Amino acid sequence: RRRADAERAAEATCMARRARTTRPFFALTALAMASALQRTVPLWAQHFVRDTGLLGVVADAATIVTAGAALAARPAVLAKLVHASATARIGVSYGPLPQHRLDIFAAPSDAHEPPVVLFVHGGAWGSGSRLIYRLVGHRLSAEGFTCILVGYRRYPRASIDEQVDDVGLALRWAAESAEFGGRPRHLWGHSSGAHVCAMSVLRRAQTRQAPLCDSFTGVAGVYNIASHFEFERGRGVHEVSPMKPAAGGPAGFASASPATIASQLLADQAVLLPHVLLVHGTDDSTVPYESSVRMAEALRGAGVREVECVVLLEKGHADFMLELSGLVAERSFAQLANPEMVHVSGQAASAVGGMAMRTIDPILELMHRSASERQTGPSSSPGPRRSKL
């Protein structure tokens, strides 16, 4: 027994060491590279790498290389990736363009018509790929969902509006599919993918169309373009980041901002939004967690009925995807108590006692609850909510 305890302790120490070394590798995102460019490259050259798509290509290559190094140190995770890639349906078309492709990861064979999760990756509107997120697809399928990884156009091939068009097209494809149309469907985006997903569900509400998904989950998302542009200016990446040109310049910031659009919804539009869950981490240095807090406030101010905001202490921007991919050890995080009060008053952050949770826990809770309500109707006592704003 002592030997087994010692082996488990050694394994935990090894996993923690790997987590500490892997997270810095994945700090080499598009915007981390952009920050280095800003310090060393003239403005015209920054615009060149941004507007030709070179920044996105290099960022994706760097992510694949560092992910490969992480997988080499984790044979079990590599085996999962190989198995997932061999058993998934790769490159399913949902539209006319080459970028309109889906990777579909089936739930376990004993699941009867499992709920569907459409996952939209991030990448600062100019990078990212379905290929990079196959382990996320595998993880969600293991949780009992059919996971669809959505490929879509990126800047400079597409503006934010066109990216929103692509996600809307993928949602319609799933809703009209004989295979998936009758099942609960959940839309989930990370980072800029969360922004594009939010724009997609808001666009349908604005035009008074029923939602094509039962819930929307935004993880570490950007919801106010003008505010985030000032944050990027402070980091020195505002001119090399694809966000400004993808939004159509400052004149397009308001119309590309989900929080602004949400604050202008009329009552008959607000009721057409699905369940909304926003998840963020206090240690996110890429997108401040106040982005999600303000978005939740805007939605509730407009009369959206089902809005939840979960802010996890000591969680960074990339941690969500790294943990779900199995590239670092999955941990539980304490939830920030009253994030809206911290945002308004600037008081010190504190945790909710006994509410430590994994990244995926509130997301699974929402998806299971909305699927249940789809069958039985909304419950008058939906159970405990997490920092509902």
Protein backbone atom coordinates (compact mmCIF):
# COMPACT_ATOMS: atom_id res chain seq x y z
CA ARG A 1 0.00 0.00 0.00
CA ARG A 2 2.87 2.38 0.86
CA ARG A 3 4.46 1.66 -2.50
CA ALA A 4 1.17 2.35 -4.31
CA ASP A 5 0.72 5.61 -2.38
CA ALA A 6 4.25 6.66 -3.26
CA GLU A 7 3.67 5.85 -6.95
CA ARG A 8 0.46 7.90 -7.00
CA ALA A 9 2.21 10.82 -5.32
CA ALA A 10 5.06 10.63 -7.83
CA GLU A 11 2.59 10.54 -10.72
CA ALA A 12 0.75 13.59 -9.35
CA THR A 13 4.05 15.46 -9.03
CA CYS A 14 4.98 14.53 -12.60
CA MET A 15 1.61 15.71 -13.93
CA ALA A 16 1.94 19.01 -12.07
CA ARG A 17 5.44 19.50 -13.49
CA ARG A 18 4.15 18.77 -16.99
CA ALA A 19 1.33 21.26 -16.51
CA ARG A 20 3.79 23.96 -15.48
CA THR A 21 5.94 23.34 -18.54
CA THR A 22 3.13 22.82 -21.06
CA ARG A 23 1.18 25.99 -20.29
CA PRO A 24 4.10 28.26 -21.26
CA PHE A 25 4.40 26.38 -24.56
CA PHE A 26 0.79 27.21 -25.37
CA ALA A 27 1.27 30.85 -24.46
CA LEU A 28 2.62 31.10 -28.03
CA THR A 29 -0.80 32.03 -29.38
CA ALA A 30 -1.43 34.38 -32.28
CA LEU A 31 -1.60 37.39 -29.96
CA ALA A 32 1.48 36.39 -27.98
CA MET A 33 3.34 36.28 -31.27
CA ALA A 34 1.70 39.58 -32.21
CA SER A 35 3.08 41.19 -29.06
CA ALA A 36 6.60 40.16 -30.03
CA LEU A 37 6.06 41.50 -33.54
CA GLN A 38 4.83 44.84 -32.22
CA ARG A 39 8.03 45.35 -30.27
CA THR A 40 10.39 44.53 -33.13
CA VAL A 41 8.59 45.04 -36.47
CA PRO A 42 7.51 48.32 -38.14
CA LEU A 43 3.81 49.03 -38.54
CA TRP A 44 3.68 48.30 -42.27
CA ALA A 45 5.19 44.87 -41.68
CA GLN A 46 2.73 44.16 -38.85
CA HIS A 47 -0.14 44.93 -41.21
CA PHE A 48 1.45 42.74 -43.88
CA VAL A 49 1.64 39.61 -41.71
CA ARG A 50 -1.87 40.32 -40.42
CA ASP A 51 -3.59 41.06 -43.73
CA THR A 52 -1.92 38.31 -45.76
CA GLY A 53 -2.87 35.66 -43.19
CA LEU A 54 0.79 34.88 -42.47
CA LEU A 55 0.30 35.50 -38.74
CA GLY A 56 -2.46 32.89 -38.62
CA VAL A 57 -0.41 30.33 -40.55
CA VAL A 58 2.59 30.73 -38.27
CA ALA A 59 0.43 30.68 -35.12
CA ASP A 60 -1.29 27.46 -36.22
CA ALA A 61 2.04 25.85 -37.09
CA ALA A 62 3.48 26.82 -33.71
CA THR A 63 0.42 25.39 -31.94
CA ILE A 64 0.69 22.10 -33.83
CA VAL A 65 4.41 21.78 -33.12
CA THR A 66 4.06 22.49 -29.40
CA ALA A 67 1.00 20.22 -29.16
CA GLY A 68 3.05 17.52 -30.83
CA ALA A 69 5.78 17.92 -28.22
CA ALA A 70 3.19 17.70 -25.45
CA LEU A 71 1.66 14.58 -27.00
CA ALA A 72 5.05 12.92 -27.32
CA ALA A 73 5.35 13.14 -23.54
CA ARG A 74 1.82 11.72 -23.08
CA PRO A 75 1.49 8.45 -25.02
CA ALA A 76 -1.97 7.72 -23.59
CA VAL A 77 -3.32 11.06 -24.83
CA LEU A 78 -1.66 10.52 -28.22
CA ALA A 79 -3.39 7.13 -28.45
CA LYS A 80 -6.73 8.83 -27.76
CA LEU A 81 -6.05 11.34 -30.54
CA VAL A 82 -5.19 8.58 -33.03
CA HIS A 83 -8.30 6.61 -32.09
CA ALA A 84 -10.54 9.68 -32.24
CA SER A 85 -9.18 10.69 -35.63
CA ALA A 86 -9.64 7.15 -36.98
CA THR A 87 -13.23 6.79 -35.78
CA ALA A 88 -14.56 10.33 -36.36
CA ARG A 89 -16.22 11.49 -39.56
CA ILE A 90 -13.71 14.02 -40.82
CA GLY A 91 -14.38 16.80 -43.29
CA VAL A 92 -18.18 16.57 -43.59
CA SER A 93 -19.46 19.42 -45.77
CA TYR A 94 -22.09 21.84 -44.45
CA GLY A 95 -21.78 24.51 -47.15
CA PRO A 96 -20.35 25.33 -50.57
CA LEU A 97 -16.88 26.58 -49.57
CA PRO A 98 -13.76 24.51 -48.79
CA GLN A 99 -13.72 25.93 -45.25
CA HIS A 100 -17.29 24.73 -44.62
CA ARG A 101 -16.28 21.43 -43.08
CA LEU A 102 -17.17 19.56 -39.88
CA ASP A 103 -15.50 16.83 -37.86
CA ILE A 104 -18.10 14.65 -36.10
CA PHE A 105 -17.23 12.62 -33.00
CA ALA A 106 -19.96 10.14 -32.09
CA ALA A 107 -21.09 9.45 -28.54
CA PRO A 108 -20.61 5.92 -27.16
CA SER A 109 -22.57 3.37 -29.16
CA ASP A 110 -24.95 2.59 -26.29
CA ALA A 111 -26.24 6.19 -26.21
CA HIS A 112 -29.65 6.65 -27.85
CA GLU A 113 -29.88 9.87 -29.88
CA PRO A 114 -27.40 11.73 -27.65
CA PRO A 115 -27.42 15.55 -27.49
CA VAL A 116 -25.27 17.39 -30.02
CA VAL A 117 -22.55 19.94 -29.20
CA LEU A 118 -21.34 22.22 -31.99
CA PHE A 119 -17.92 23.51 -30.93
CA VAL A 120 -16.46 26.66 -32.52
CA HIS A 121 -12.74 27.20 -31.90
CA GLY A 122 -11.04 30.51 -31.24
CA GLY A 123 -7.89 32.04 -32.69
CA ALA A 124 -8.24 35.83 -32.64
CA TRP A 125 -10.49 35.71 -35.74
CA GLY A 126 -7.45 34.86 -37.89
CA SER A 127 -6.11 31.47 -36.80
CA GLY A 128 -7.22 28.15 -35.34
CA SER A 129 -8.30 24.89 -36.96
CA ARG A 130 -10.60 21.91 -36.36
CA LEU A 131 -7.49 19.71 -36.41
CA ILE A 132 -6.13 21.32 -33.24
CA TYR A 133 -9.29 20.55 -31.26
CA ARG A 134 -9.88 16.89 -32.01
CA LEU A 135 -9.07 15.93 -28.43
CA VAL A 136 -11.83 18.29 -27.28
CA GLY A 137 -14.18 16.48 -29.63
CA HIS A 138 -13.06 13.15 -28.19
CA ARG A 139 -13.57 14.37 -24.62
CA LEU A 140 -17.09 15.65 -25.25
CA SER A 141 -18.07 12.44 -27.02
CA ALA A 142 -16.81 10.49 -23.99
CA GLU A 143 -19.14 12.62 -21.85
CA GLY A 144 -22.11 11.29 -23.84
CA PHE A 145 -22.49 13.93 -26.55
CA THR A 146 -22.11 13.87 -30.29
CA CYS A 147 -19.50 16.59 -30.80
CA ILE A 148 -19.31 18.51 -34.06
CA LEU A 149 -16.17 20.60 -34.56
CA VAL A 150 -17.11 23.50 -36.84
CA GLY A 151 -14.62 24.76 -39.40
CA TYR A 152 -15.17 28.27 -40.71
CA ARG A 153 -13.44 31.03 -42.65
CA ARG A 154 -10.92 33.23 -40.86
CA TYR A 155 -9.49 36.67 -41.48
CA PRO A 156 -8.27 37.76 -44.06
CA ARG A 157 -10.54 35.43 -46.06
CA ALA A 158 -13.58 36.48 -44.06
CA SER A 159 -14.80 39.37 -41.95
CA ILE A 160 -16.52 38.84 -38.61
CA ASP A 161 -19.89 39.08 -40.37
CA GLU A 162 -18.89 36.31 -42.75
CA GLN A 163 -17.62 34.16 -39.89
CA VAL A 164 -21.01 34.61 -38.21
CA ASP A 165 -22.64 33.57 -41.50
CA ASP A 166 -20.57 30.37 -41.47
CA VAL A 167 -21.56 29.43 -37.92
CA GLY A 168 -25.20 30.17 -38.71
CA LEU A 169 -24.95 27.93 -41.77
CA ALA A 170 -23.50 25.10 -39.64
CA LEU A 171 -26.32 25.50 -37.13
CA ARG A 172 -28.92 25.33 -39.89
CA TRP A 173 -27.22 22.26 -41.34
CA ALA A 174 -27.46 20.48 -37.97
CA ALA A 175 -31.05 21.61 -37.37
CA GLU A 176 -32.20 20.41 -40.80
CA SER A 177 -30.20 17.18 -40.69
CA ALA A 178 -32.21 13.98 -40.47
CA GLU A 179 -29.55 12.66 -38.10
CA PHE A 180 -29.26 15.60 -35.71
CA GLY A 181 -32.36 17.75 -36.25
CA GLY A 182 -34.51 16.06 -33.63
CA ARG A 183 -31.88 16.05 -30.89
CA PRO A 184 -31.02 18.75 -28.33
CA ARG A 185 -28.31 20.96 -29.83
CA HIS A 186 -25.84 23.09 -27.91
CA LEU A 187 -23.53 25.76 -29.32
CA TRP A 188 -20.20 26.22 -27.58
CA GLY A 189 -17.41 28.64 -28.50
CA HIS A 190 -14.05 29.54 -27.01
CA SER A 191 -12.36 32.98 -27.15
CA SER A 192 -13.08 34.62 -30.53
CA GLY A 193 -15.19 31.54 -31.29
CA ALA A 194 -17.40 32.47 -28.32
CA HIS A 195 -17.76 35.95 -29.82
CA VAL A 196 -18.79 34.57 -33.22
CA CYS A 197 -21.28 32.17 -31.60
CA ALA A 198 -22.80 34.99 -29.53
CA MET A 199 -23.21 37.07 -32.66
CA SER A 200 -24.90 34.13 -34.39
CA VAL A 201 -27.56 33.55 -31.72
CA LEU A 202 -28.14 37.31 -31.32
CA ARG A 203 -28.58 37.76 -35.07
CA ARG A 204 -31.46 35.27 -35.08
CA ALA A 205 -33.06 36.98 -32.09
CA GLN A 206 -32.72 40.39 -33.75
CA THR A 207 -34.57 39.11 -36.82
CA ARG A 208 -37.17 37.42 -34.57
CA GLN A 209 -36.28 33.88 -35.61
CA ALA A 210 -36.46 30.96 -33.20
CA PRO A 211 -33.06 29.74 -31.97
CA LEU A 212 -31.42 26.79 -33.69
CA CYS A 213 -29.78 25.59 -30.46
CA ASP A 214 -31.02 24.83 -26.96
CA SER A 215 -28.12 26.59 -25.26
CA PHE A 216 -25.11 28.77 -25.97
CA THR A 217 -21.94 28.52 -23.88
CA GLY A 218 -19.23 31.13 -24.29
CA VAL A 219 -15.86 30.32 -22.72
CA ALA A 220 -13.37 33.19 -22.27
CA GLY A 221 -15.15 35.21 -24.93
CA VAL A 222 -14.81 38.76 -26.27
CA TYR A 223 -18.17 40.55 -26.25
CA ASN A 224 -17.31 44.24 -26.62
CA ILE A 225 -14.98 44.96 -29.53
CA ALA A 226 -14.27 48.61 -28.67
CA SER A 227 -13.41 47.76 -25.07
CA HIS A 228 -11.23 44.85 -26.14
CA PHE A 229 -9.46 47.00 -28.72
CA GLU A 230 -8.36 49.32 -25.91
CA PHE A 231 -7.19 46.29 -23.95
CA GLU A 232 -5.21 45.13 -26.99
CA ARG A 233 -3.74 48.64 -27.32
CA GLY A 234 -2.48 48.34 -23.75
CA ARG A 235 -0.80 45.06 -24.67
CA GLY A 236 0.66 46.58 -27.82
CA VAL A 237 -1.05 44.12 -30.19
CA HIS A 238 -3.90 46.29 -31.50
CA GLU A 239 -2.40 46.87 -34.97
CA VAL A 240 -1.25 43.33 -35.67
CA SER A 241 -4.33 41.63 -34.19
CA PRO A 242 -6.89 40.64 -36.87
CA MET A 243 -9.77 41.93 -34.74
CA LYS A 244 -9.85 45.54 -36.00
CA PRO A 245 -9.88 44.81 -39.75
CA ALA A 246 -12.13 41.76 -39.30
CA ALA A 247 -14.69 44.03 -37.62
CA GLY A 248 -14.46 46.58 -40.44
CA GLY A 249 -12.44 49.11 -38.48
CA PRO A 250 -13.63 51.28 -35.57
CA ALA A 251 -16.82 52.18 -37.46
CA GLY A 252 -17.86 48.53 -37.22
CA PHE A 253 -17.00 47.94 -33.57
CA ALA A 254 -20.50 48.56 -32.17
CA SER A 255 -22.31 46.39 -34.72
CA ALA A 256 -19.78 43.57 -34.09
CA SER A 257 -20.15 43.72 -30.28
CA PRO A 258 -22.55 41.18 -28.74
CA ALA A 259 -22.82 43.17 -25.49
CA THR A 260 -23.91 46.28 -27.40
CA ILE A 261 -26.42 44.32 -29.46
CA ALA A 262 -27.76 42.54 -26.35
CA SER A 263 -28.34 45.85 -24.57
CA GLN A 264 -30.54 47.00 -27.48
CA LEU A 265 -32.77 43.91 -27.70
CA LEU A 266 -36.51 44.44 -27.42
CA ALA A 267 -38.55 42.20 -25.16
CA ASP A 268 -39.93 40.07 -28.01
CA GLN A 269 -36.38 39.57 -29.29
CA ALA A 270 -34.83 38.74 -25.91
CA VAL A 271 -37.21 35.83 -25.32
CA LEU A 272 -35.89 34.15 -28.48
CA LEU A 273 -32.40 33.60 -27.09
CA PRO A 274 -31.51 30.10 -25.83
CA HIS A 275 -30.07 29.38 -22.39
CA VAL A 276 -26.80 31.32 -22.04
CA LEU A 277 -23.79 30.30 -19.94
CA LEU A 278 -20.64 32.43 -19.85
CA VAL A 279 -17.50 30.91 -18.29
CA HIS A 280 -14.26 32.79 -17.64
CA GLY A 281 -11.14 32.70 -15.46
CA THR A 282 -9.71 35.44 -13.26
CA ASP A 283 -6.16 34.77 -14.51
CA ASP A 284 -7.06 35.31 -18.16
CA SER A 285 -4.52 37.80 -19.50
CA THR A 286 -5.76 37.48 -23.11
CA VAL A 287 -9.42 38.40 -22.51
CA PRO A 288 -10.26 39.89 -19.08
CA TYR A 289 -13.04 38.09 -17.24
CA GLU A 290 -14.97 41.37 -17.00
CA SER A 291 -15.88 40.74 -20.65
CA SER A 292 -18.19 37.89 -19.61
CA VAL A 293 -19.53 39.76 -16.58
CA ARG A 294 -20.55 42.76 -18.69
CA MET A 295 -22.11 40.53 -21.32
CA ALA A 296 -24.21 38.78 -18.69
CA GLU A 297 -25.30 42.15 -17.32
CA ALA A 298 -26.31 43.33 -20.81
CA LEU A 299 -28.34 40.19 -21.46
CA ARG A 300 -30.18 40.31 -18.16
CA GLY A 301 -30.77 44.02 -18.57
CA ALA A 302 -32.53 43.25 -21.86
CA GLY A 303 -34.77 40.70 -20.18
CA VAL A 304 -33.08 37.47 -21.27
CA ARG A 305 -34.48 34.88 -18.88
CA GLU A 306 -31.75 32.27 -18.65
CA VAL A 307 -28.28 33.77 -18.16
CA GLU A 308 -25.53 32.38 -15.96
CA CYS A 309 -21.98 33.61 -15.47
CA VAL A 310 -19.31 31.43 -13.86
CA VAL A 311 -15.91 32.98 -13.07
CA LEU A 312 -13.24 30.55 -11.86
CA LEU A 313 -10.34 31.70 -9.71
CA GLU A 314 -6.76 31.28 -10.98
CA LYS A 315 -7.89 30.01 -14.39
CA GLY A 316 -6.14 31.29 -17.51
CA HIS A 317 -7.24 31.70 -21.10
CA ALA A 318 -5.71 28.54 -22.55
CA ASP A 319 -6.36 26.38 -19.46
CA PHE A 320 -9.90 25.54 -20.58
CA MET A 321 -8.87 23.88 -23.83
CA LEU A 322 -5.62 22.38 -22.53
CA GLU A 323 -7.44 20.56 -19.74
CA LEU A 324 -10.30 19.34 -21.92
CA SER A 325 -7.71 18.08 -24.42
CA GLY A 326 -5.86 16.18 -21.69
CA LEU A 327 -2.61 18.02 -22.43
CA VAL A 328 -2.41 19.17 -18.82
CA ALA A 329 -3.89 17.65 -15.69
CA GLU A 330 -7.53 18.59 -15.13
CA ARG A 331 -8.01 20.54 -11.92
CA SER A 332 -10.91 21.92 -9.92
CA PHE A 333 -11.13 25.67 -9.41
CA ALA A 334 -12.96 27.73 -6.85
CA GLN A 335 -15.69 29.96 -8.19
CA LEU A 336 -15.44 33.73 -7.82
CA ALA A 337 -18.11 34.97 -5.44
CA ASN A 338 -20.29 37.81 -6.79
CA PRO A 339 -18.20 38.62 -9.89
CA GLU A 340 -20.53 41.50 -10.72
CA MET A 341 -19.68 43.20 -7.40
CA VAL A 342 -15.93 42.80 -7.98
CA HIS A 343 -16.42 44.34 -11.43
CA VAL A 344 -18.42 47.31 -10.12
CA SER A 345 -16.58 48.08 -6.89
CA GLY A 346 -13.09 46.75 -7.58
CA GLN A 347 -13.15 44.80 -4.30
CA ALA A 348 -10.81 41.87 -3.82
CA ALA A 349 -11.90 38.60 -5.36
CA SER A 350 -13.10 35.86 -3.03
CA ALA A 351 -14.17 32.29 -3.56
CA VAL A 352 -17.50 30.59 -3.01
CA GLY A 353 -17.02 28.08 -0.23
CA GLY A 354 -17.37 24.46 -1.29
CA MET A 355 -18.03 25.35 -4.95
CA ALA A 356 -14.78 24.17 -6.54
CA MET A 357 -15.46 22.70 -9.95
CA ARG A 358 -13.82 21.50 -13.12
CA THR A 359 -14.05 23.62 -16.24
CA ILE A 360 -16.56 21.28 -17.79
CA ASP A 361 -18.90 20.92 -14.79
CA PRO A 362 -21.12 24.02 -15.24
CA ILE A 363 -21.21 23.41 -18.99
CA LEU A 364 -22.37 19.81 -18.58
CA GLU A 365 -24.93 20.92 -16.00
CA LEU A 366 -26.44 23.47 -18.37
CA MET A 367 -26.55 21.11 -21.35
CA HIS A 368 -28.17 18.30 -19.36
CA ARG A 369 -30.67 20.68 -17.79
CA SER A 370 -31.71 22.31 -21.06
CA ALA A 371 -32.03 18.88 -22.70
CA SER A 372 -34.30 17.78 -19.86
CA GLU A 373 -36.40 20.93 -20.14
CA ARG A 374 -36.75 20.33 -23.86
CA GLN A 375 -38.56 17.09 -23.03
CA THR A 376 -40.51 18.09 -19.92
CA GLY A 377 -40.81 21.88 -20.15
CA PRO A 378 -39.02 24.48 -17.97
CA SER A 379 -38.78 23.54 -14.33
CA SER A 380 -39.83 25.99 -11.67
CA SER A 381 -36.90 24.82 -9.54
CA PRO A 382 -33.97 24.20 -11.87
CA GLY A 383 -31.55 23.51 -9.06
CA PRO A 384 -28.64 25.55 -7.75
CA ARG A 385 -27.31 28.26 -10.05
CA ARG A 386 -23.77 29.53 -10.14
CA SER A 387 -23.30 33.28 -9.79
CA LYS A 388 -26.44 34.05 -11.76
CA LEU A 389 -26.23 37.75 -12.63
